[in-house]
Amino acid sequence: MQIILLEDVKSLGKKGTVVKVNDSYGRNYIIPKKLGVEANAANLNNLKLQNANAEKIEAMKQQSARDIKAKLEGKAFTVKIKAGKDGKTFGSITGKEIAQAIMDSMGVEVDKKKISLDEPIKAVGTRTVNLKLYKDISAEITVKIEEA
């Protein structure tokens, strides 16, 4: 019997794959627990349509990330913070402040979790920051920290 898995099953495979199992295992365990469905023509067609839709959504996300990269690549953003006489800040600049500066100046929303900082910025000056927009798509921006 062939089964299309609806969930990841440890000993069989990942969600969306077609696997061959014993009739009794499929009828008594996989199908009743809603871990899979029988691989008939209608279910195989549904799987094909779901895979095509998933690929389309993936392509749209990649294109969106490329568009954001084109807008942000090489741009400079200014963040103001209180600082002492020697240029040390009172507090630190985190991804949240950088994301807000990008939103204010360009109108592009970037998730603060996608801004990778090796360490929090605690001094006035200019830093290069990497934005991980998608799996293999990242952009480098310049952040100028100024005294408020």
C-alpha atoms as a PDB file:
ATOM      1  CA  MET A   1       0.000   0.000   0.000  1.00  0.00           C
ATOM      2  CA  GLN A   2       1.268   3.476  -0.816  1.00  0.00           C
ATOM      3  CA  ILE A   3       0.690   6.330   1.605  1.00  0.00           C
ATOM      4  CA  ILE A   4       1.156  10.107   1.299  1.00  0.00           C
ATOM      5  CA  LEU A   5       2.472  11.341   4.635  1.00  0.00           C
ATOM      6  CA  LEU A   6       0.645  14.299   6.151  1.00  0.00           C
ATOM      7  CA  GLU A   7       3.090  14.568   9.073  1.00  0.00           C
ATOM      8  CA  ASP A   8       6.719  13.629   9.637  1.00  0.00           C
ATOM      9  CA  VAL A   9       6.901   9.981  10.737  1.00  0.00           C
ATOM     10  CA  LYS A  10      10.183   9.015  12.359  1.00  0.00           C
ATOM     11  CA  SER A  11      10.717   5.649  10.708  1.00  0.00           C
ATOM     12  CA  LEU A  12       9.054   6.426   7.352  1.00  0.00           C
ATOM     13  CA  GLY A  13       9.815   9.906   6.070  1.00  0.00           C
ATOM     14  CA  LYS A  14       8.963  13.570   5.890  1.00  0.00           C
ATOM     15  CA  LYS A  15       5.636  15.279   5.318  1.00  0.00           C
ATOM     16  CA  GLY A  16       4.506  15.204   1.673  1.00  0.00           C
ATOM     17  CA  THR A  17       6.437  12.128   0.608  1.00  0.00           C
ATOM     18  CA  VAL A  18       4.909   8.977  -0.877  1.00  0.00           C
ATOM     19  CA  VAL A  19       6.012   5.823   0.939  1.00  0.00           C
ATOM     20  CA  LYS A  20       5.187   2.150   0.646  1.00  0.00           C
ATOM     21  CA  VAL A  21       4.012   0.423   3.837  1.00  0.00           C
ATOM     22  CA  ASN A  22       2.327  -2.833   4.841  1.00  0.00           C
ATOM     23  CA  ASP A  23      -1.443  -2.803   4.367  1.00  0.00           C
ATOM     24  CA  SER A  24      -2.114  -3.439   8.051  1.00  0.00           C
ATOM     25  CA  TYR A  25       0.324  -0.715   9.214  1.00  0.00           C
ATOM     26  CA  GLY A  26      -1.277   1.794   6.849  1.00  0.00           C
ATOM     27  CA  ARG A  27      -4.896   0.923   7.641  1.00  0.00           C
ATOM     28  CA  ASN A  28      -4.499   0.405  11.409  1.00  0.00           C
ATOM     29  CA  TYR A  29      -1.963   3.060  12.358  1.00  0.00           C
ATOM     30  CA  ILE A  30      -1.065   5.686   9.723  1.00  0.00           C
ATOM     31  CA  ILE A  31      -4.541   6.499   8.354  1.00  0.00           C
ATOM     32  CA  PRO A  32      -6.515   6.425  11.686  1.00  0.00           C
ATOM     33  CA  LYS A  33      -3.964   8.692  13.391  1.00  0.00           C
ATOM     34  CA  LYS A  34      -4.173  11.129  10.457  1.00  0.00           C
ATOM     35  CA  LEU A  35      -0.439  10.738   9.755  1.00  0.00           C
ATOM     36  CA  GLY A  36      -1.118   9.952   6.116  1.00  0.00           C
ATOM     37  CA  VAL A  37      -3.679   9.211   3.429  1.00  0.00           C
ATOM     38  CA  GLU A  38      -3.876   6.535   0.784  1.00  0.00           C
ATOM     39  CA  ALA A  39      -2.020   7.452  -2.409  1.00  0.00           C
ATOM     40  CA  ASN A  40      -4.877   7.357  -4.906  1.00  0.00           C
ATOM     41  CA  ALA A  41      -5.184   9.555  -7.992  1.00  0.00           C
ATOM     42  CA  ALA A  42      -7.108  12.372  -6.266  1.00  0.00           C
ATOM     43  CA  ASN A  43      -4.703  12.556  -3.303  1.00  0.00           C
ATOM     44  CA  LEU A  44      -1.658  12.457  -5.587  1.00  0.00           C
ATOM     45  CA  ASN A  45      -3.129  15.326  -7.625  1.00  0.00           C
ATOM     46  CA  ASN A  46      -3.757  17.323  -4.415  1.00  0.00           C
ATOM     47  CA  LEU A  47      -0.153  16.707  -3.367  1.00  0.00           C
ATOM     48  CA  LYS A  48       1.083  17.932  -6.745  1.00  0.00           C
ATOM     49  CA  LEU A  49      -1.030  21.095  -6.445  1.00  0.00           C
ATOM     50  CA  GLN A  50       0.180  21.744  -2.883  1.00  0.00           C
ATOM     51  CA  ASN A  51       3.809  21.357  -3.965  1.00  0.00           C
ATOM     52  CA  ALA A  52       3.286  23.760  -6.875  1.00  0.00           C
ATOM     53  CA  ASN A  53       1.650  26.285  -4.550  1.00  0.00           C
ATOM     54  CA  ALA A  54       4.485  25.953  -2.033  1.00  0.00           C
ATOM     55  CA  GLU A  55       7.069  26.560  -4.776  1.00  0.00           C
ATOM     56  CA  LYS A  56       5.146  29.641  -5.928  1.00  0.00           C
ATOM     57  CA  ILE A  57       5.043  31.048  -2.388  1.00  0.00           C
ATOM     58  CA  GLU A  58       8.763  30.313  -1.967  1.00  0.00           C
ATOM     59  CA  ALA A  59       9.543  32.184  -5.190  1.00  0.00           C
ATOM     60  CA  MET A  60       7.451  35.158  -4.039  1.00  0.00           C
ATOM     61  CA  LYS A  61       9.307  35.295  -0.704  1.00  0.00           C
ATOM     62  CA  GLN A  62      12.666  35.164  -2.488  1.00  0.00           C
ATOM     63  CA  GLN A  63      11.657  37.948  -4.850  1.00  0.00           C
ATOM     64  CA  SER A  64      10.436  40.067  -1.946  1.00  0.00           C
ATOM     65  CA  ALA A  65      13.772  39.565  -0.158  1.00  0.00           C
ATOM     66  CA  ARG A  66      15.665  40.523  -3.343  1.00  0.00           C
ATOM     67  CA  ASP A  67      13.571  43.704  -3.670  1.00  0.00           C
ATOM     68  CA  ILE A  68      14.280  44.680  -0.063  1.00  0.00           C
ATOM     69  CA  LYS A  69      17.976  43.962  -0.609  1.00  0.00           C
ATOM     70  CA  ALA A  70      18.024  46.234  -3.664  1.00  0.00           C
ATOM     71  CA  LYS A  71      16.421  49.045  -1.664  1.00  0.00           C
ATOM     72  CA  LEU A  72      18.676  48.732   1.393  1.00  0.00           C
ATOM     73  CA  GLU A  73      22.062  47.569   0.048  1.00  0.00           C
ATOM     74  CA  GLY A  74      24.771  50.139   0.755  1.00  0.00           C
ATOM     75  CA  LYS A  75      22.441  52.648   2.400  1.00  0.00           C
ATOM     76  CA  ALA A  76      23.320  54.477   5.615  1.00  0.00           C
ATOM     77  CA  PHE A  77      20.923  54.843   8.533  1.00  0.00           C
ATOM     78  CA  THR A  78      21.307  57.132  11.535  1.00  0.00           C
ATOM     79  CA  VAL A  79      20.458  56.152  15.099  1.00  0.00           C
ATOM     80  CA  LYS A  80      20.640  58.731  17.886  1.00  0.00           C
ATOM     81  CA  ILE A  81      21.371  57.817  21.478  1.00  0.00           C
ATOM     82  CA  LYS A  82      22.537  59.602  24.608  1.00  0.00           C
ATOM     83  CA  ALA A  83      26.289  59.403  25.030  1.00  0.00           C
ATOM     84  CA  GLY A  84      28.940  60.530  27.486  1.00  0.00           C
ATOM     85  CA  LYS A  85      31.942  62.754  26.857  1.00  0.00           C
ATOM     86  CA  ASP A  86      34.199  59.927  25.663  1.00  0.00           C
ATOM     87  CA  GLY A  87      31.708  58.652  23.047  1.00  0.00           C
ATOM     88  CA  LYS A  88      30.404  55.739  25.122  1.00  0.00           C
ATOM     89  CA  THR A  89      26.659  55.405  24.967  1.00  0.00           C
ATOM     90  CA  PHE A  90      24.260  55.134  27.875  1.00  0.00           C
ATOM     91  CA  GLY A  91      22.894  51.721  26.950  1.00  0.00           C
ATOM     92  CA  SER A  92      23.395  49.971  23.647  1.00  0.00           C
ATOM     93  CA  ILE A  93      22.037  49.947  20.116  1.00  0.00           C
ATOM     94  CA  THR A  94      20.199  46.715  19.357  1.00  0.00           C
ATOM     95  CA  GLY A  95      18.409  45.327  16.342  1.00  0.00           C
ATOM     96  CA  LYS A  96      15.171  46.964  17.478  1.00  0.00           C
ATOM     97  CA  GLU A  97      16.587  50.492  17.158  1.00  0.00           C
ATOM     98  CA  ILE A  98      18.174  49.723  13.786  1.00  0.00           C
ATOM     99  CA  ALA A  99      14.914  48.226  12.476  1.00  0.00           C
ATOM    100  CA  GLN A 100      13.060  51.342  13.630  1.00  0.00           C
ATOM    101  CA  ALA A 101      15.613  53.611  11.874  1.00  0.00           C
ATOM    102  CA  ILE A 102      15.140  51.640   8.624  1.00  0.00           C
ATOM    103  CA  MET A 103      11.367  51.898   8.962  1.00  0.00           C
ATOM    104  CA  ASP A 104      11.502  55.650   9.640  1.00  0.00           C
ATOM    105  CA  SER A 105      13.806  56.552   6.767  1.00  0.00           C
ATOM    106  CA  MET A 106      12.891  54.053   4.004  1.00  0.00           C
ATOM    107  CA  GLY A 107       9.470  52.752   5.015  1.00  0.00           C
ATOM    108  CA  VAL A 108      10.706  49.158   4.748  1.00  0.00           C
ATOM    109  CA  GLU A 109       9.808  46.832   7.584  1.00  0.00           C
ATOM    110  CA  VAL A 110      12.684  44.572   8.651  1.00  0.00           C
ATOM    111  CA  ASP A 111      12.334  42.048  11.463  1.00  0.00           C
ATOM    112  CA  LYS A 112      14.683  42.901  14.329  1.00  0.00           C
ATOM    113  CA  LYS A 113      15.654  39.230  14.586  1.00  0.00           C
ATOM    114  CA  LYS A 114      17.083  39.328  11.048  1.00  0.00           C
ATOM    115  CA  ILE A 115      19.597  42.024  11.963  1.00  0.00           C
ATOM    116  CA  SER A 116      22.791  40.257  12.973  1.00  0.00           C
ATOM    117  CA  LEU A 117      25.021  42.071  15.405  1.00  0.00           C
ATOM    118  CA  ASP A 118      28.127  40.314  16.686  1.00  0.00           C
ATOM    119  CA  GLU A 119      27.837  42.348  19.864  1.00  0.00           C
ATOM    120  CA  PRO A 120      25.631  45.250  20.950  1.00  0.00           C
ATOM    121  CA  ILE A 121      26.862  48.638  19.734  1.00  0.00           C
ATOM    122  CA  LYS A 122      27.989  50.708  22.723  1.00  0.00           C
ATOM    123  CA  ALA A 123      29.951  53.573  21.177  1.00  0.00           C
ATOM    124  CA  VAL A 124      29.334  56.506  18.857  1.00  0.00           C
ATOM    125  CA  GLY A 125      30.588  55.953  15.304  1.00  0.00           C
ATOM    126  CA  THR A 126      29.845  54.056  12.125  1.00  0.00           C
ATOM    127  CA  ARG A 127      29.263  50.304  11.899  1.00  0.00           C
ATOM    128  CA  THR A 128      28.496  47.904   9.073  1.00  0.00           C
ATOM    129  CA  VAL A 129      25.550  45.643   9.870  1.00  0.00           C
ATOM    130  CA  ASN A 130      24.424  42.501   8.042  1.00  0.00           C
ATOM    131  CA  LEU A 131      20.717  41.856   7.429  1.00  0.00           C
ATOM    132  CA  LYS A 132      19.724  38.235   6.802  1.00  0.00           C
ATOM    133  CA  LEU A 133      16.627  38.718   4.670  1.00  0.00           C
ATOM    134  CA  TYR A 134      16.128  35.134   3.477  1.00  0.00           C
ATOM    135  CA  LYS A 135      17.985  31.816   3.338  1.00  0.00           C
ATOM    136  CA  ASP A 136      20.802  32.902   0.994  1.00  0.00           C
ATOM    137  CA  ILE A 137      19.910  36.579   0.637  1.00  0.00           C
ATOM    138  CA  SER A 138      21.544  39.144   2.874  1.00  0.00           C
ATOM    139  CA  ALA A 139      22.283  42.855   2.654  1.00  0.00           C
ATOM    140  CA  GLU A 140      24.916  45.057   4.253  1.00  0.00           C
ATOM    141  CA  ILE A 141      23.953  48.460   5.572  1.00  0.00           C
ATOM    142  CA  THR A 142      25.845  51.189   7.367  1.00  0.00           C
ATOM    143  CA  VAL A 143      24.608  52.415  10.733  1.00  0.00           C
ATOM    144  CA  LYS A 144      25.775  55.790  12.010  1.00  0.00           C
ATOM    145  CA  ILE A 145      25.456  56.166  15.753  1.00  0.00           C
ATOM    146  CA  GLU A 146      25.191  59.814  16.730  1.00  0.00           C
ATOM    147  CA  GLU A 147      24.947  61.572  20.043  1.00  0.00           C
ATOM    148  CA  ALA A 148      21.449  62.842  20.812  1.00  0.00           C
END
